[in-house]
Amino acid sequence: MADIINTIVLGIIQGIAEFLPISSSAHLIIFRDVFGVGAGMSTKVALCFDLALHLGTLLAIAVFFFKDFLNMVIKGLTKGVNDSDGKLFFQIIVATIPAAIVGVLFEDIIEEAIRTNYLLISIALIVMGVIIYLVDKKSKEEKNTKEISFKDALVIGCSQIFALIPGFSRSGTTIASARFLKVDRESAAKFSFYLSAPVVLGACVLQVFKDSTISLITTNSTIFILGILVSFITGLICIKFLLQYLKKHDFKIFMIYRILLAVVVILTLLF
């Protein structure tokens, strides 16, 4: 029963933090290791659960942007870069390459070095929160997704490398980079969501091919299915919320939240 409750709580946290610029990896680490939510999960259950969370958020992206992705793929394969949607398809591929290479080569090393360094994670939360707010405030809104160049896409894609450090946030770094390049807020968020699809898919594929993953899923099917369902539903809600929110608001609330969470973590560690 405890695993079921923890699955629901962490699934909600993942669904929210994956898409809002507040760092899902930092939240899962903090809530598990510092606040003790799901700390009792066995290593095997946790691995199965993490895969379920990734699949749930991937499904949320695929469902919410199904028409966009379908159009991009069709136009990309039939008209190439001569069509704006076709160009966007290839830009996403180009933008995914840097983080994919670095992730495959160094993700485990970074994970082992930083995962238990809660002070560093807290600092990353604060620093990235301030960066995204200041960059957004100082940048004009001159481009939409159709006006992003291949150079812009590559710069945004390279920024995802910093998201390997828990606390920086994949959506936070990509949105901040897009805003620095004068992409409007809503388009910056959309492009960030588009980019998350191949990244999350890659993470899922790598996890599936790890030893004993299939048997773990089979023996923990309830947690696996529940994790997918909770993160999927929460993810859908958060994607819609952020796109609507950014039409009229900036990133100040996310900066404040990140700073407050970091302060709570630091105080918890001290006292």
Protein backbone atom coordinates (compact mmCIF):
# COMPACT_ATOMS: atom_id res chain seq x y z
CA MET A 1 0.00 0.00 0.00
CA ALA A 2 2.85 2.37 0.83
CA ASP A 3 4.40 1.79 -2.60
CA ILE A 4 1.05 2.61 -4.24
CA ILE A 5 0.72 5.91 -2.35
CA ASN A 6 4.34 6.83 -3.07
CA THR A 7 3.81 5.97 -6.74
CA ILE A 8 0.86 8.36 -6.95
CA VAL A 9 2.67 11.18 -5.13
CA LEU A 10 5.90 10.85 -7.12
CA GLY A 11 3.94 10.40 -10.36
CA ILE A 12 2.21 13.73 -9.76
CA ILE A 13 5.54 15.37 -8.92
CA GLN A 14 7.12 13.99 -12.10
CA GLY A 15 4.20 15.04 -14.29
CA ILE A 16 4.41 18.58 -12.95
CA ALA A 17 8.17 19.02 -12.79
CA GLU A 18 8.92 17.42 -16.16
CA PHE A 19 7.15 20.18 -18.05
CA LEU A 20 7.32 23.20 -15.76
CA PRO A 21 10.82 24.76 -15.61
CA ILE A 22 11.56 23.49 -12.10
CA SER A 23 13.60 20.28 -12.73
CA SER A 24 11.95 16.88 -12.43
CA SER A 25 15.21 15.08 -11.59
CA ALA A 26 15.89 17.46 -8.69
CA HIS A 27 12.34 17.04 -7.40
CA LEU A 28 12.46 13.24 -7.46
CA ILE A 29 15.84 13.23 -5.69
CA ILE A 30 14.74 15.79 -3.09
CA PHE A 31 11.38 14.22 -2.34
CA ARG A 32 12.86 10.72 -2.12
CA ASP A 33 16.17 11.32 -0.38
CA VAL A 34 15.56 14.50 1.64
CA PHE A 35 11.82 14.39 2.38
CA GLY A 36 11.57 10.57 2.41
CA VAL A 37 8.70 10.14 -0.08
CA GLY A 38 9.22 6.73 -1.65
CA ALA A 39 12.48 6.22 0.21
CA GLY A 40 11.31 2.75 1.20
CA MET A 41 11.03 1.56 -2.39
CA SER A 42 13.46 -1.20 -3.26
CA THR A 43 16.05 -0.43 -5.93
CA LYS A 44 14.31 -2.74 -8.39
CA VAL A 45 10.90 -1.16 -7.81
CA ALA A 46 12.41 2.32 -8.14
CA LEU A 47 13.99 1.44 -11.51
CA CYS A 48 10.68 0.11 -12.79
CA PHE A 49 8.89 3.18 -11.46
CA ASP A 50 11.34 5.61 -13.10
CA LEU A 51 10.73 3.95 -16.47
CA ALA A 52 6.97 4.24 -15.92
CA LEU A 53 7.30 7.96 -15.19
CA HIS A 54 9.27 8.52 -18.38
CA LEU A 55 6.74 6.58 -20.43
CA GLY A 56 3.87 8.54 -18.88
CA THR A 57 5.37 11.93 -19.72
CA LEU A 58 6.33 10.71 -23.21
CA LEU A 59 2.73 9.64 -23.76
CA ALA A 60 1.52 13.07 -22.58
CA ILE A 61 3.77 14.81 -25.13
CA ALA A 62 2.72 12.44 -27.91
CA VAL A 63 -1.02 12.88 -27.25
CA PHE A 64 -0.97 16.66 -26.70
CA PHE A 65 1.15 17.39 -29.77
CA PHE A 66 0.02 14.47 -31.94
CA LYS A 67 -1.14 16.63 -34.86
CA ASP A 68 1.99 18.78 -34.69
CA PHE A 69 4.33 15.78 -34.73
CA LEU A 70 2.37 14.03 -37.49
CA ASN A 71 2.47 17.15 -39.63
CA MET A 72 6.20 17.66 -38.98
CA VAL A 73 7.08 14.10 -39.93
CA ILE A 74 4.96 14.10 -43.09
CA LYS A 75 6.22 17.48 -44.26
CA GLY A 76 9.78 16.66 -43.27
CA LEU A 77 9.84 13.44 -45.29
CA THR A 78 7.96 14.83 -48.29
CA LYS A 79 8.98 18.48 -48.57
CA GLY A 80 12.10 18.69 -46.43
CA VAL A 81 13.38 22.04 -45.18
CA ASN A 82 11.48 23.92 -47.90
CA ASP A 83 8.39 23.67 -45.70
CA SER A 84 8.30 25.37 -42.28
CA ASP A 85 6.95 22.27 -40.52
CA GLY A 86 9.40 20.06 -42.40
CA LYS A 87 12.25 22.33 -41.34
CA LEU A 88 11.07 22.10 -37.73
CA PHE A 89 11.25 18.28 -37.96
CA PHE A 90 14.94 18.40 -38.93
CA GLN A 91 15.68 21.15 -36.41
CA ILE A 92 14.44 18.90 -33.62
CA ILE A 93 16.74 16.13 -34.85
CA VAL A 94 19.72 18.52 -34.97
CA ALA A 95 18.90 19.96 -31.53
CA THR A 96 18.67 16.49 -29.99
CA ILE A 97 22.13 15.30 -31.08
CA PRO A 98 24.37 17.21 -28.58
CA ALA A 99 22.47 16.16 -25.45
CA ALA A 100 22.07 12.61 -26.76
CA ILE A 101 25.83 12.19 -27.24
CA VAL A 102 26.77 13.72 -23.89
CA GLY A 103 23.95 11.87 -22.13
CA VAL A 104 25.04 8.45 -23.40
CA LEU A 105 28.69 9.10 -22.57
CA PHE A 106 28.48 10.90 -19.25
CA GLU A 107 25.00 10.59 -17.71
CA ASP A 108 25.95 7.80 -15.29
CA ILE A 109 29.13 9.64 -14.24
CA ILE A 110 27.23 12.88 -13.62
CA GLU A 111 24.46 10.98 -11.83
CA GLU A 112 26.91 9.29 -9.45
CA ALA A 113 28.86 12.48 -8.78
CA ILE A 114 25.93 14.82 -8.16
CA ARG A 115 22.88 12.77 -7.20
CA THR A 116 23.63 12.88 -3.45
CA ASN A 117 25.13 16.38 -3.47
CA TYR A 118 21.95 18.09 -2.29
CA LEU A 119 23.69 21.42 -1.71
CA LEU A 120 24.84 21.53 -5.35
CA ILE A 121 21.34 20.57 -6.52
CA SER A 122 19.90 23.39 -4.40
CA ILE A 123 22.37 25.89 -5.84
CA ALA A 124 21.46 24.73 -9.36
CA LEU A 125 17.78 25.31 -8.57
CA ILE A 126 18.49 28.88 -7.48
CA VAL A 127 20.93 29.74 -10.28
CA MET A 128 18.72 28.44 -13.10
CA GLY A 129 15.64 30.06 -11.59
CA VAL A 130 17.35 33.46 -11.61
CA ILE A 131 18.79 32.92 -15.10
CA ILE A 132 15.49 32.04 -16.76
CA TYR A 133 13.76 35.01 -15.11
CA LEU A 134 16.44 37.57 -16.04
CA VAL A 135 16.91 36.25 -19.58
CA ASP A 136 13.16 36.35 -20.15
CA LYS A 137 12.85 39.90 -18.80
CA LYS A 138 15.68 41.23 -20.97
CA SER A 139 14.77 39.45 -24.21
CA LYS A 140 12.31 40.66 -26.80
CA GLU A 141 9.70 38.40 -28.41
CA GLU A 142 10.54 38.46 -32.12
CA LYS A 143 10.35 34.83 -33.31
CA ASN A 144 7.85 31.96 -33.26
CA THR A 145 8.58 28.27 -33.85
CA LYS A 146 8.48 28.68 -37.63
CA GLU A 147 11.12 31.42 -37.51
CA ILE A 148 13.70 29.48 -35.49
CA SER A 149 16.86 28.91 -37.52
CA PHE A 150 19.03 25.78 -37.52
CA LYS A 151 21.67 27.75 -35.61
CA ASP A 152 19.04 28.66 -32.99
CA ALA A 153 17.93 25.03 -32.76
CA LEU A 154 21.51 23.84 -32.24
CA VAL A 155 22.13 26.41 -29.48
CA ILE A 156 18.89 25.41 -27.73
CA GLY A 157 19.79 21.76 -28.13
CA CYS A 158 23.25 22.27 -26.63
CA SER A 159 21.68 23.92 -23.59
CA GLN A 160 20.02 20.58 -22.76
CA ILE A 161 23.46 19.27 -21.77
CA PHE A 162 23.28 21.36 -18.57
CA ALA A 163 20.00 19.59 -17.71
CA LEU A 164 22.00 16.43 -16.99
CA ILE A 165 22.83 18.18 -13.71
CA PRO A 166 19.80 17.81 -11.40
CA GLY A 167 18.37 21.22 -10.57
CA PHE A 168 18.98 22.94 -13.89
CA SER A 169 15.90 21.49 -15.63
CA ARG A 170 15.68 20.41 -19.27
CA SER A 171 12.66 22.62 -19.93
CA GLY A 172 14.23 25.47 -17.97
CA THR A 173 17.50 25.46 -19.92
CA THR A 174 15.87 25.10 -23.33
CA ILE A 175 13.25 27.78 -22.66
CA ALA A 176 15.89 30.17 -21.31
CA SER A 177 18.06 29.57 -24.39
CA ALA A 178 15.11 30.12 -26.71
CA ARG A 179 14.18 33.35 -24.94
CA PHE A 180 17.81 34.52 -25.16
CA LEU A 181 17.46 34.03 -28.93
CA LYS A 182 14.31 36.21 -28.83
CA VAL A 183 11.81 33.40 -29.33
CA ASP A 184 8.47 34.37 -27.77
CA ARG A 185 7.50 32.69 -24.49
CA GLU A 186 4.79 30.39 -25.81
CA SER A 187 6.90 29.30 -28.80
CA ALA A 188 9.91 28.75 -26.53
CA ALA A 189 7.83 26.43 -24.35
CA LYS A 190 6.43 24.62 -27.40
CA PHE A 191 9.87 24.04 -28.89
CA SER A 192 11.06 22.81 -25.50
CA PHE A 193 8.18 20.31 -25.41
CA TYR A 194 8.92 19.18 -28.96
CA LEU A 195 12.55 18.58 -27.98
CA SER A 196 11.56 16.56 -24.94
CA ALA A 197 9.95 13.82 -27.05
CA PRO A 198 13.15 12.31 -28.55
CA VAL A 199 15.06 12.85 -25.30
CA VAL A 200 12.46 11.03 -23.19
CA LEU A 201 12.04 8.34 -25.87
CA GLY A 202 15.79 7.75 -25.85
CA ALA A 203 15.81 7.45 -22.06
CA CYS A 204 12.98 4.90 -22.21
CA VAL A 205 14.70 2.82 -24.89
CA LEU A 206 17.97 2.74 -22.95
CA GLN A 207 16.13 1.71 -19.79
CA VAL A 208 14.16 -1.06 -21.53
CA PHE A 209 17.34 -2.67 -22.84
CA LYS A 210 18.97 -2.77 -19.44
CA ASP A 211 19.25 -6.16 -17.76
CA SER A 212 16.09 -7.58 -16.18
CA THR A 213 13.93 -4.52 -17.03
CA ILE A 214 11.19 -6.63 -18.65
CA SER A 215 11.02 -9.02 -15.69
CA LEU A 216 10.89 -6.02 -13.32
CA ILE A 217 7.92 -4.64 -15.22
CA THR A 218 6.17 -8.01 -15.13
CA THR A 219 6.64 -8.49 -11.40
CA ASN A 220 5.74 -4.86 -10.57
CA SER A 221 2.98 -4.34 -13.12
CA THR A 222 0.64 -2.44 -10.76
CA ILE A 223 3.23 0.19 -9.92
CA PHE A 224 4.35 0.36 -13.55
CA ILE A 225 0.84 0.97 -14.93
CA LEU A 226 -0.10 3.36 -12.12
CA GLY A 227 3.10 5.37 -12.60
CA ILE A 228 2.40 5.76 -16.32
CA LEU A 229 -1.21 6.77 -15.74
CA VAL A 230 -0.51 9.36 -13.03
CA SER A 231 2.42 11.03 -14.80
CA PHE A 232 0.49 10.99 -18.11
CA ILE A 233 -2.58 12.75 -16.71
CA THR A 234 -0.54 15.24 -14.67
CA GLY A 235 1.73 15.89 -17.65
CA LEU A 236 -1.18 16.70 -19.95
CA ILE A 237 -2.56 19.19 -17.44
CA CYS A 238 0.83 20.88 -16.95
CA ILE A 239 1.57 21.21 -20.68
CA LYS A 240 -1.75 22.95 -21.22
CA PHE A 241 -1.30 25.09 -18.10
CA LEU A 242 2.18 26.36 -19.03
CA LEU A 243 1.24 27.24 -22.62
CA GLN A 244 -1.76 29.22 -21.37
CA TYR A 245 0.12 30.78 -18.45
CA LEU A 246 2.96 32.12 -20.60
CA LYS A 247 0.58 34.02 -22.85
CA LYS A 248 0.17 36.63 -20.10
CA HIS A 249 2.84 35.93 -17.47
CA ASP A 250 6.61 35.69 -17.10
CA PHE A 251 8.77 33.20 -15.18
CA LYS A 252 8.90 35.07 -11.86
CA ILE A 253 6.71 32.55 -10.00
CA PHE A 254 8.98 29.68 -11.06
CA MET A 255 12.09 31.55 -9.90
CA ILE A 256 10.50 32.21 -6.50
CA TYR A 257 9.42 28.59 -6.15
CA ARG A 258 12.86 27.25 -7.07
CA ILE A 259 14.56 29.54 -4.54
CA LEU A 260 12.09 28.64 -1.77
CA LEU A 261 12.50 24.90 -2.43
CA ALA A 262 16.29 25.23 -2.38
CA VAL A 263 16.17 27.14 0.92
CA VAL A 264 13.90 24.49 2.47
CA VAL A 265 16.26 21.72 1.36
CA ILE A 266 19.33 23.52 2.74
CA LEU A 267 17.59 24.22 6.07
CA THR A 268 16.41 20.59 6.25
CA LEU A 269 19.96 19.37 5.72
CA LEU A 270 21.33 21.74 8.37
CA PHE A 271 18.76 21.16 11.11
